[in-house]
Amino acid sequence: MPEDMNVEISHKLTEPGEGEGKGSEVSKRKRRWEIIVEIVEVAVLAIVAVATAWSGYQAARWDGQQSVLYGHATADRFKADAASTVGGQKLAADAAMFTAYLQAWSAGDSKLEALYIRRFTPDYRVAFYSWLKTNPFTSPAAPAGPGYMPNYRNPDLVMAAKLNALAAATFDQGTAARDNAERYLRDTVLFATVLFVVAVAQRFKIREVRVATTTVALALAAYATVAVATLPRI
């Protein structure tokens, strides 16, 4: 066999085949996208793990805030009830004294009238003198008694009204805190779902399926992150 032919055959045997070169390049590209996807998945897992802990922490804080606010509202309600009871008792006592005063006036007993007037509470006495200026014994348009005068103020009843208003406002704040806690809890569940989806994605070897699953996880993570970022924090 000619020497040139031997050299040519030798070169063909020693040179890599075209199919082998293409296979190596495909393997490199496949490995490259796997590395990229793994980096993305690890980054998502790290960020979502921190976000899950933060969201759960905020949910617990808002739950505690709700309990504190509800406690304050309940305490204010008790104080309002106590003040209302005292105010009602004082008003009832003034009304009883006023009835006795009318009987003394009807009997013409001025000393007894003065005695009952002195026994009025200070605020009721001020309203009583204003009531006398309306000519109540002759004018049908006069108020029925000092308690109906515009300038009559019962400090305990006024305090009860303020405490009830404060309790209502505090209760509303507690309800808002509960809503915030529920929103943070919802976002915590979303973050946990992202962790689950990423874990499932890592089990797939088919490129398209793995990329699609990871994309879903990224979308959920982005939505939950925006939701948490817009919530109030304590």
C-alpha atoms as a PDB file:
ATOM      1  CA  MET A   1       0.000   0.000   0.000  1.00  0.00           C
ATOM      2  CA  PRO A   2       1.354   3.431  -0.904  1.00  0.00           C
ATOM      3  CA  GLU A   3       2.849   5.506   1.907  1.00  0.00           C
ATOM      4  CA  ASP A   4       0.585   8.513   1.218  1.00  0.00           C
ATOM      5  CA  MET A   5      -2.502   6.382   1.624  1.00  0.00           C
ATOM      6  CA  ASN A   6      -1.262   5.072   4.962  1.00  0.00           C
ATOM      7  CA  VAL A   7      -0.723   8.606   6.242  1.00  0.00           C
ATOM      8  CA  GLU A   8      -4.228   9.668   5.167  1.00  0.00           C
ATOM      9  CA  ILE A   9      -5.853   6.707   6.871  1.00  0.00           C
ATOM     10  CA  SER A  10      -3.821   7.385   9.997  1.00  0.00           C
ATOM     11  CA  HIS A  11      -5.059  11.001  10.123  1.00  0.00           C
ATOM     12  CA  LYS A  12      -8.671   9.946   9.760  1.00  0.00           C
ATOM     13  CA  LEU A  13      -8.324   7.508  12.614  1.00  0.00           C
ATOM     14  CA  THR A  14      -6.692   9.983  14.949  1.00  0.00           C
ATOM     15  CA  GLU A  15      -8.878  13.112  14.246  1.00  0.00           C
ATOM     16  CA  PRO A  16     -12.059  13.491  16.394  1.00  0.00           C
ATOM     17  CA  GLY A  17     -15.305  12.893  14.634  1.00  0.00           C
ATOM     18  CA  GLU A  18     -17.709  15.705  13.807  1.00  0.00           C
ATOM     19  CA  GLY A  19     -20.501  14.152  15.855  1.00  0.00           C
ATOM     20  CA  GLU A  20     -18.246  13.843  18.884  1.00  0.00           C
ATOM     21  CA  GLY A  21     -17.389  17.590  18.773  1.00  0.00           C
ATOM     22  CA  LYS A  22     -21.030  18.618  18.539  1.00  0.00           C
ATOM     23  CA  GLY A  23     -21.951  16.344  21.429  1.00  0.00           C
ATOM     24  CA  SER A  24     -19.315  17.928  23.632  1.00  0.00           C
ATOM     25  CA  GLU A  25     -20.562  21.431  22.791  1.00  0.00           C
ATOM     26  CA  VAL A  26     -24.184  20.469  23.573  1.00  0.00           C
ATOM     27  CA  SER A  27     -23.063  19.003  26.886  1.00  0.00           C
ATOM     28  CA  LYS A  28     -21.272  22.231  27.775  1.00  0.00           C
ATOM     29  CA  ARG A  29     -24.323  24.361  26.947  1.00  0.00           C
ATOM     30  CA  LYS A  30     -26.544  22.051  28.960  1.00  0.00           C
ATOM     31  CA  ARG A  31     -24.224  22.286  31.924  1.00  0.00           C
ATOM     32  CA  ARG A  32     -24.100  26.075  31.562  1.00  0.00           C
ATOM     33  CA  TRP A  33     -27.870  26.555  31.806  1.00  0.00           C
ATOM     34  CA  GLU A  34     -28.038  24.111  34.693  1.00  0.00           C
ATOM     35  CA  ILE A  35     -25.495  26.226  36.573  1.00  0.00           C
ATOM     36  CA  ILE A  36     -27.452  29.410  35.826  1.00  0.00           C
ATOM     37  CA  VAL A  37     -30.740  27.870  36.949  1.00  0.00           C
ATOM     38  CA  GLU A  38     -29.122  26.500  40.107  1.00  0.00           C
ATOM     39  CA  ILE A  39     -27.702  29.925  40.967  1.00  0.00           C
ATOM     40  CA  VAL A  40     -31.129  31.515  40.458  1.00  0.00           C
ATOM     41  CA  GLU A  41     -32.772  28.841  42.594  1.00  0.00           C
ATOM     42  CA  VAL A  42     -30.258  29.235  45.401  1.00  0.00           C
ATOM     43  CA  ALA A  43     -30.693  33.024  45.329  1.00  0.00           C
ATOM     44  CA  VAL A  44     -34.480  32.658  45.447  1.00  0.00           C
ATOM     45  CA  LEU A  45     -34.255  30.172  48.318  1.00  0.00           C
ATOM     46  CA  ALA A  46     -32.000  32.483  50.331  1.00  0.00           C
ATOM     47  CA  ILE A  47     -34.111  35.586  49.786  1.00  0.00           C
ATOM     48  CA  VAL A  48     -37.414  33.813  50.351  1.00  0.00           C
ATOM     49  CA  ALA A  49     -36.142  32.112  53.521  1.00  0.00           C
ATOM     50  CA  VAL A  50     -35.277  35.505  55.019  1.00  0.00           C
ATOM     51  CA  ALA A  51     -38.556  37.018  53.793  1.00  0.00           C
ATOM     52  CA  THR A  52     -40.536  34.128  55.295  1.00  0.00           C
ATOM     53  CA  ALA A  53     -38.913  34.645  58.688  1.00  0.00           C
ATOM     54  CA  TRP A  54     -39.502  38.416  58.501  1.00  0.00           C
ATOM     55  CA  SER A  55     -43.137  38.025  57.487  1.00  0.00           C
ATOM     56  CA  GLY A  56     -43.778  35.540  60.289  1.00  0.00           C
ATOM     57  CA  TYR A  57     -42.074  37.869  62.775  1.00  0.00           C
ATOM     58  CA  GLN A  58     -44.261  40.792  61.698  1.00  0.00           C
ATOM     59  CA  ALA A  59     -47.391  38.635  61.908  1.00  0.00           C
ATOM     60  CA  ALA A  60     -46.494  37.719  65.493  1.00  0.00           C
ATOM     61  CA  ARG A  61     -45.775  41.364  66.374  1.00  0.00           C
ATOM     62  CA  TRP A  62     -49.096  42.551  64.968  1.00  0.00           C
ATOM     63  CA  ASP A  63     -50.909  39.762  66.821  1.00  0.00           C
ATOM     64  CA  GLY A  64     -49.338  41.005  70.027  1.00  0.00           C
ATOM     65  CA  GLN A  65     -50.255  44.588  69.171  1.00  0.00           C
ATOM     66  CA  GLN A  66     -53.847  43.506  68.620  1.00  0.00           C
ATOM     67  CA  SER A  67     -53.986  41.914  72.073  1.00  0.00           C
ATOM     68  CA  VAL A  68     -52.515  45.026  73.714  1.00  0.00           C
ATOM     69  CA  LEU A  69     -54.954  47.363  71.967  1.00  0.00           C
ATOM     70  CA  TYR A  70     -57.942  45.180  72.741  1.00  0.00           C
ATOM     71  CA  GLY A  71     -56.823  45.115  76.369  1.00  0.00           C
ATOM     72  CA  HIS A  72     -56.643  48.927  76.482  1.00  0.00           C
ATOM     73  CA  ALA A  73     -60.066  49.180  74.855  1.00  0.00           C
ATOM     74  CA  THR A  74     -61.560  46.808  77.419  1.00  0.00           C
ATOM     75  CA  ALA A  75     -60.002  48.768  80.297  1.00  0.00           C
ATOM     76  CA  ASP A  76     -61.405  52.023  78.904  1.00  0.00           C
ATOM     77  CA  ARG A  77     -64.829  50.412  78.617  1.00  0.00           C
ATOM     78  CA  PHE A  78     -64.721  49.432  82.283  1.00  0.00           C
ATOM     79  CA  LYS A  79     -63.673  52.954  83.255  1.00  0.00           C
ATOM     80  CA  ALA A  80     -66.466  54.398  81.101  1.00  0.00           C
ATOM     81  CA  ASP A  81     -69.026  52.112  82.731  1.00  0.00           C
ATOM     82  CA  ALA A  82     -67.820  53.129  86.195  1.00  0.00           C
ATOM     83  CA  ALA A  83     -67.923  56.832  85.350  1.00  0.00           C
ATOM     84  CA  SER A  84     -71.368  56.436  83.777  1.00  0.00           C
ATOM     85  CA  THR A  85     -72.647  54.684  86.887  1.00  0.00           C
ATOM     86  CA  VAL A  86     -71.322  57.415  89.202  1.00  0.00           C
ATOM     87  CA  GLY A  87     -72.684  60.144  86.919  1.00  0.00           C
ATOM     88  CA  GLY A  88     -76.080  58.487  86.792  1.00  0.00           C
ATOM     89  CA  GLN A  89     -76.181  58.159  90.564  1.00  0.00           C
ATOM     90  CA  LYS A  90     -75.313  61.839  91.028  1.00  0.00           C
ATOM     91  CA  LEU A  91     -77.954  62.870  88.508  1.00  0.00           C
ATOM     92  CA  ALA A  92     -80.530  60.666  90.253  1.00  0.00           C
ATOM     93  CA  ALA A  93     -79.647  62.218  93.614  1.00  0.00           C
ATOM     94  CA  ASP A  94     -79.925  65.736  92.162  1.00  0.00           C
ATOM     95  CA  ALA A  95     -83.264  64.860  90.605  1.00  0.00           C
ATOM     96  CA  ALA A  96     -84.539  63.557  93.960  1.00  0.00           C
ATOM     97  CA  MET A  97     -83.375  66.744  95.679  1.00  0.00           C
ATOM     98  CA  PHE A  98     -85.016  68.810  92.966  1.00  0.00           C
ATOM     99  CA  THR A  99     -88.325  66.982  93.481  1.00  0.00           C
ATOM    100  CA  ALA A 100     -88.078  67.666  97.213  1.00  0.00           C
ATOM    101  CA  TYR A 101     -87.279  71.318  96.448  1.00  0.00           C
ATOM    102  CA  LEU A 102     -90.466  71.606  94.364  1.00  0.00           C
ATOM    103  CA  GLN A 103     -92.477  70.201  97.257  1.00  0.00           C
ATOM    104  CA  ALA A 104     -90.857  72.696  99.650  1.00  0.00           C
ATOM    105  CA  TRP A 105     -91.531  75.527  97.195  1.00  0.00           C
ATOM    106  CA  SER A 106     -95.138  74.430  96.917  1.00  0.00           C
ATOM    107  CA  ALA A 107     -95.406  74.439 100.723  1.00  0.00           C
ATOM    108  CA  GLY A 108     -93.743  77.863 100.941  1.00  0.00           C
ATOM    109  CA  ASP A 109     -90.925  76.564 103.151  1.00  0.00           C
ATOM    110  CA  SER A 110     -88.005  78.774 102.112  1.00  0.00           C
ATOM    111  CA  LYS A 111     -85.592  77.282 104.655  1.00  0.00           C
ATOM    112  CA  LEU A 112     -86.208  73.785 103.328  1.00  0.00           C
ATOM    113  CA  GLU A 113     -85.803  75.097  99.782  1.00  0.00           C
ATOM    114  CA  ALA A 114     -82.387  76.550 100.661  1.00  0.00           C
ATOM    115  CA  LEU A 115     -81.415  73.269 102.315  1.00  0.00           C
ATOM    116  CA  TYR A 116     -82.161  71.262  99.182  1.00  0.00           C
ATOM    117  CA  ILE A 117     -80.405  73.794  96.930  1.00  0.00           C
ATOM    118  CA  ARG A 118     -77.228  73.470  99.043  1.00  0.00           C
ATOM    119  CA  ARG A 119     -77.371  69.705  98.607  1.00  0.00           C
ATOM    120  CA  PHE A 120     -77.273  69.940  94.794  1.00  0.00           C
ATOM    121  CA  THR A 121     -73.988  69.014  93.155  1.00  0.00           C
ATOM    122  CA  PRO A 122     -72.049  72.123  92.005  1.00  0.00           C
ATOM    123  CA  ASP A 123     -72.796  71.611  88.306  1.00  0.00           C
ATOM    124  CA  TYR A 124     -76.466  70.927  88.955  1.00  0.00           C
ATOM    125  CA  ARG A 125     -76.700  74.020  91.178  1.00  0.00           C
ATOM    126  CA  VAL A 126     -75.322  76.209  88.381  1.00  0.00           C
ATOM    127  CA  ALA A 127     -77.914  74.769  86.003  1.00  0.00           C
ATOM    128  CA  PHE A 128     -80.614  75.244  88.669  1.00  0.00           C
ATOM    129  CA  TYR A 129     -79.989  78.984  88.958  1.00  0.00           C
ATOM    130  CA  SER A 130     -80.051  79.239  85.165  1.00  0.00           C
ATOM    131  CA  TRP A 131     -83.322  77.339  85.178  1.00  0.00           C
ATOM    132  CA  LEU A 132     -84.857  79.797  87.683  1.00  0.00           C
ATOM    133  CA  LYS A 133     -84.101  82.648  85.250  1.00  0.00           C
ATOM    134  CA  THR A 134     -86.432  81.047  82.694  1.00  0.00           C
ATOM    135  CA  ASN A 135     -89.457  81.707  84.966  1.00  0.00           C
ATOM    136  CA  PRO A 136     -90.246  77.982  85.163  1.00  0.00           C
ATOM    137  CA  PHE A 137     -93.242  78.426  87.484  1.00  0.00           C
ATOM    138  CA  THR A 138     -95.037  80.757  85.103  1.00  0.00           C
ATOM    139  CA  SER A 139     -93.606  80.140  81.630  1.00  0.00           C
ATOM    140  CA  PRO A 140     -94.813  77.000  79.817  1.00  0.00           C
ATOM    141  CA  ALA A 141     -91.775  77.226  77.509  1.00  0.00           C
ATOM    142  CA  ALA A 142     -89.321  76.776  80.388  1.00  0.00           C
ATOM    143  CA  PRO A 143     -87.314  73.510  80.512  1.00  0.00           C
ATOM    144  CA  ALA A 144     -88.670  70.759  82.733  1.00  0.00           C
ATOM    145  CA  GLY A 145     -85.769  71.015  85.168  1.00  0.00           C
ATOM    146  CA  PRO A 146     -82.099  71.960  85.616  1.00  0.00           C
ATOM    147  CA  GLY A 147     -81.006  68.701  84.012  1.00  0.00           C
ATOM    148  CA  TYR A 148     -82.498  69.897  80.715  1.00  0.00           C
ATOM    149  CA  MET A 149     -80.583  73.178  80.681  1.00  0.00           C
ATOM    150  CA  PRO A 150     -77.996  73.610  77.927  1.00  0.00           C
ATOM    151  CA  ASN A 151     -75.319  74.618  80.422  1.00  0.00           C
ATOM    152  CA  TYR A 152     -75.779  71.557  82.608  1.00  0.00           C
ATOM    153  CA  ARG A 153     -72.702  69.341  82.623  1.00  0.00           C
ATOM    154  CA  ASN A 154     -72.277  66.122  84.510  1.00  0.00           C
ATOM    155  CA  PRO A 155     -68.466  65.609  84.674  1.00  0.00           C
ATOM    156  CA  ASP A 156     -68.756  61.868  85.174  1.00  0.00           C
ATOM    157  CA  LEU A 157     -71.098  61.405  82.229  1.00  0.00           C
ATOM    158  CA  VAL A 158     -68.838  63.587  80.091  1.00  0.00           C
ATOM    159  CA  MET A 159     -65.851  61.472  81.128  1.00  0.00           C
ATOM    160  CA  ALA A 160     -67.801  58.299  80.348  1.00  0.00           C
ATOM    161  CA  ALA A 161     -68.536  59.579  76.838  1.00  0.00           C
ATOM    162  CA  LYS A 162     -64.857  60.410  76.259  1.00  0.00           C
ATOM    163  CA  LEU A 163     -63.721  57.026  77.525  1.00  0.00           C
ATOM    164  CA  ASN A 164     -66.254  55.231  75.329  1.00  0.00           C
ATOM    165  CA  ALA A 165     -65.026  57.183  72.298  1.00  0.00           C
ATOM    166  CA  LEU A 166     -61.407  56.363  73.207  1.00  0.00           C
ATOM    167  CA  ALA A 167     -62.277  52.695  73.674  1.00  0.00           C
ATOM    168  CA  ALA A 168     -63.990  52.586  70.285  1.00  0.00           C
ATOM    169  CA  ALA A 169     -60.969  54.180  68.573  1.00  0.00           C
ATOM    170  CA  THR A 170     -58.556  51.822  70.335  1.00  0.00           C
ATOM    171  CA  PHE A 171     -60.691  48.820  69.402  1.00  0.00           C
ATOM    172  CA  ASP A 172     -60.619  49.919  65.759  1.00  0.00           C
ATOM    173  CA  GLN A 173     -56.830  50.126  65.957  1.00  0.00           C
ATOM    174  CA  GLY A 174     -56.778  46.605  67.357  1.00  0.00           C
ATOM    175  CA  THR A 175     -58.938  45.410  64.479  1.00  0.00           C
ATOM    176  CA  ALA A 176     -56.543  47.044  62.011  1.00  0.00           C
ATOM    177  CA  ALA A 177     -53.629  45.317  63.756  1.00  0.00           C
ATOM    178  CA  ARG A 178     -55.421  41.979  63.420  1.00  0.00           C
ATOM    179  CA  ASP A 179     -55.935  42.615  59.698  1.00  0.00           C
ATOM    180  CA  ASN A 180     -52.224  43.397  59.297  1.00  0.00           C
ATOM    181  CA  ALA A 181     -51.307  40.184  61.111  1.00  0.00           C
ATOM    182  CA  GLU A 182     -53.578  38.191  58.794  1.00  0.00           C
ATOM    183  CA  ARG A 183     -52.005  39.810  55.720  1.00  0.00           C
ATOM    184  CA  TYR A 184     -48.511  39.001  56.950  1.00  0.00           C
ATOM    185  CA  LEU A 185     -49.629  35.444  57.657  1.00  0.00           C
ATOM    186  CA  ARG A 186     -50.994  35.180  54.117  1.00  0.00           C
ATOM    187  CA  ASP A 187     -47.671  36.390  52.711  1.00  0.00           C
ATOM    188  CA  THR A 188     -45.814  33.908  54.913  1.00  0.00           C
ATOM    189  CA  VAL A 189     -47.854  31.133  53.327  1.00  0.00           C
ATOM    190  CA  LEU A 190     -47.006  32.507  49.874  1.00  0.00           C
ATOM    191  CA  PHE A 191     -43.303  32.515  50.685  1.00  0.00           C
ATOM    192  CA  ALA A 192     -43.569  28.944  51.968  1.00  0.00           C
ATOM    193  CA  THR A 193     -45.243  28.035  48.690  1.00  0.00           C
ATOM    194  CA  VAL A 194     -42.309  29.550  46.799  1.00  0.00           C
ATOM    195  CA  LEU A 195     -39.904  27.372  48.784  1.00  0.00           C
ATOM    196  CA  PHE A 196     -41.990  24.323  47.930  1.00  0.00           C
ATOM    197  CA  VAL A 197     -42.150  25.168  44.223  1.00  0.00           C
ATOM    198  CA  VAL A 198     -38.381  25.722  44.030  1.00  0.00           C
ATOM    199  CA  ALA A 199     -37.778  22.430  45.798  1.00  0.00           C
ATOM    200  CA  VAL A 200     -40.032  20.688  43.262  1.00  0.00           C
ATOM    201  CA  ALA A 201     -38.306  22.470  40.350  1.00  0.00           C
ATOM    202  CA  GLN A 202     -34.937  21.089  41.447  1.00  0.00           C
ATOM    203  CA  ARG A 203     -36.242  17.560  40.927  1.00  0.00           C
ATOM    204  CA  PHE A 204     -36.917  18.091  37.227  1.00  0.00           C
ATOM    205  CA  LYS A 205     -34.195  17.290  34.681  1.00  0.00           C
ATOM    206  CA  ILE A 206     -36.135  18.458  31.645  1.00  0.00           C
ATOM    207  CA  ARG A 207     -34.941  21.971  30.881  1.00  0.00           C
ATOM    208  CA  GLU A 208     -38.251  23.491  29.809  1.00  0.00           C
ATOM    209  CA  VAL A 209     -40.157  22.082  32.797  1.00  0.00           C
ATOM    210  CA  ARG A 210     -37.534  23.209  35.269  1.00  0.00           C
ATOM    211  CA  VAL A 211     -37.329  26.718  33.819  1.00  0.00           C
ATOM    212  CA  ALA A 212     -41.124  27.033  33.789  1.00  0.00           C
ATOM    213  CA  THR A 213     -41.421  25.885  37.401  1.00  0.00           C
ATOM    214  CA  THR A 214     -38.669  28.250  38.515  1.00  0.00           C
ATOM    215  CA  THR A 215     -40.391  31.095  36.677  1.00  0.00           C
ATOM    216  CA  VAL A 216     -43.603  30.396  38.570  1.00  0.00           C
ATOM    217  CA  ALA A 217     -41.634  30.472  41.823  1.00  0.00           C
ATOM    218  CA  LEU A 218     -40.052  33.808  40.869  1.00  0.00           C
ATOM    219  CA  ALA A 219     -43.460  35.304  40.054  1.00  0.00           C
ATOM    220  CA  LEU A 220     -44.897  34.179  43.390  1.00  0.00           C
ATOM    221  CA  ALA A 221     -41.836  35.500  45.215  1.00  0.00           C
ATOM    222  CA  ALA A 222     -42.106  38.881  43.483  1.00  0.00           C
ATOM    223  CA  TYR A 223     -45.821  39.179  44.297  1.00  0.00           C
ATOM    224  CA  ALA A 224     -45.322  38.236  47.955  1.00  0.00           C
ATOM    225  CA  THR A 225     -42.347  40.604  48.292  1.00  0.00           C
ATOM    226  CA  VAL A 226     -44.326  43.547  46.923  1.00  0.00           C
ATOM    227  CA  ALA A 227     -47.247  42.676  49.201  1.00  0.00           C
ATOM    228  CA  VAL A 228     -44.998  42.599  52.283  1.00  0.00           C
ATOM    229  CA  ALA A 229     -43.237  45.812  51.293  1.00  0.00           C
ATOM    230  CA  THR A 230     -46.544  47.695  51.183  1.00  0.00           C
ATOM    231  CA  LEU A 231     -47.705  46.547  54.629  1.00  0.00           C
ATOM    232  CA  PRO A 232     -47.096  48.655  57.755  1.00  0.00           C
ATOM    233  CA  ARG A 233     -44.319  47.467  60.063  1.00  0.00           C
ATOM    234  CA  ILE A 234     -43.769  47.643  63.805  1.00  0.00           C
END
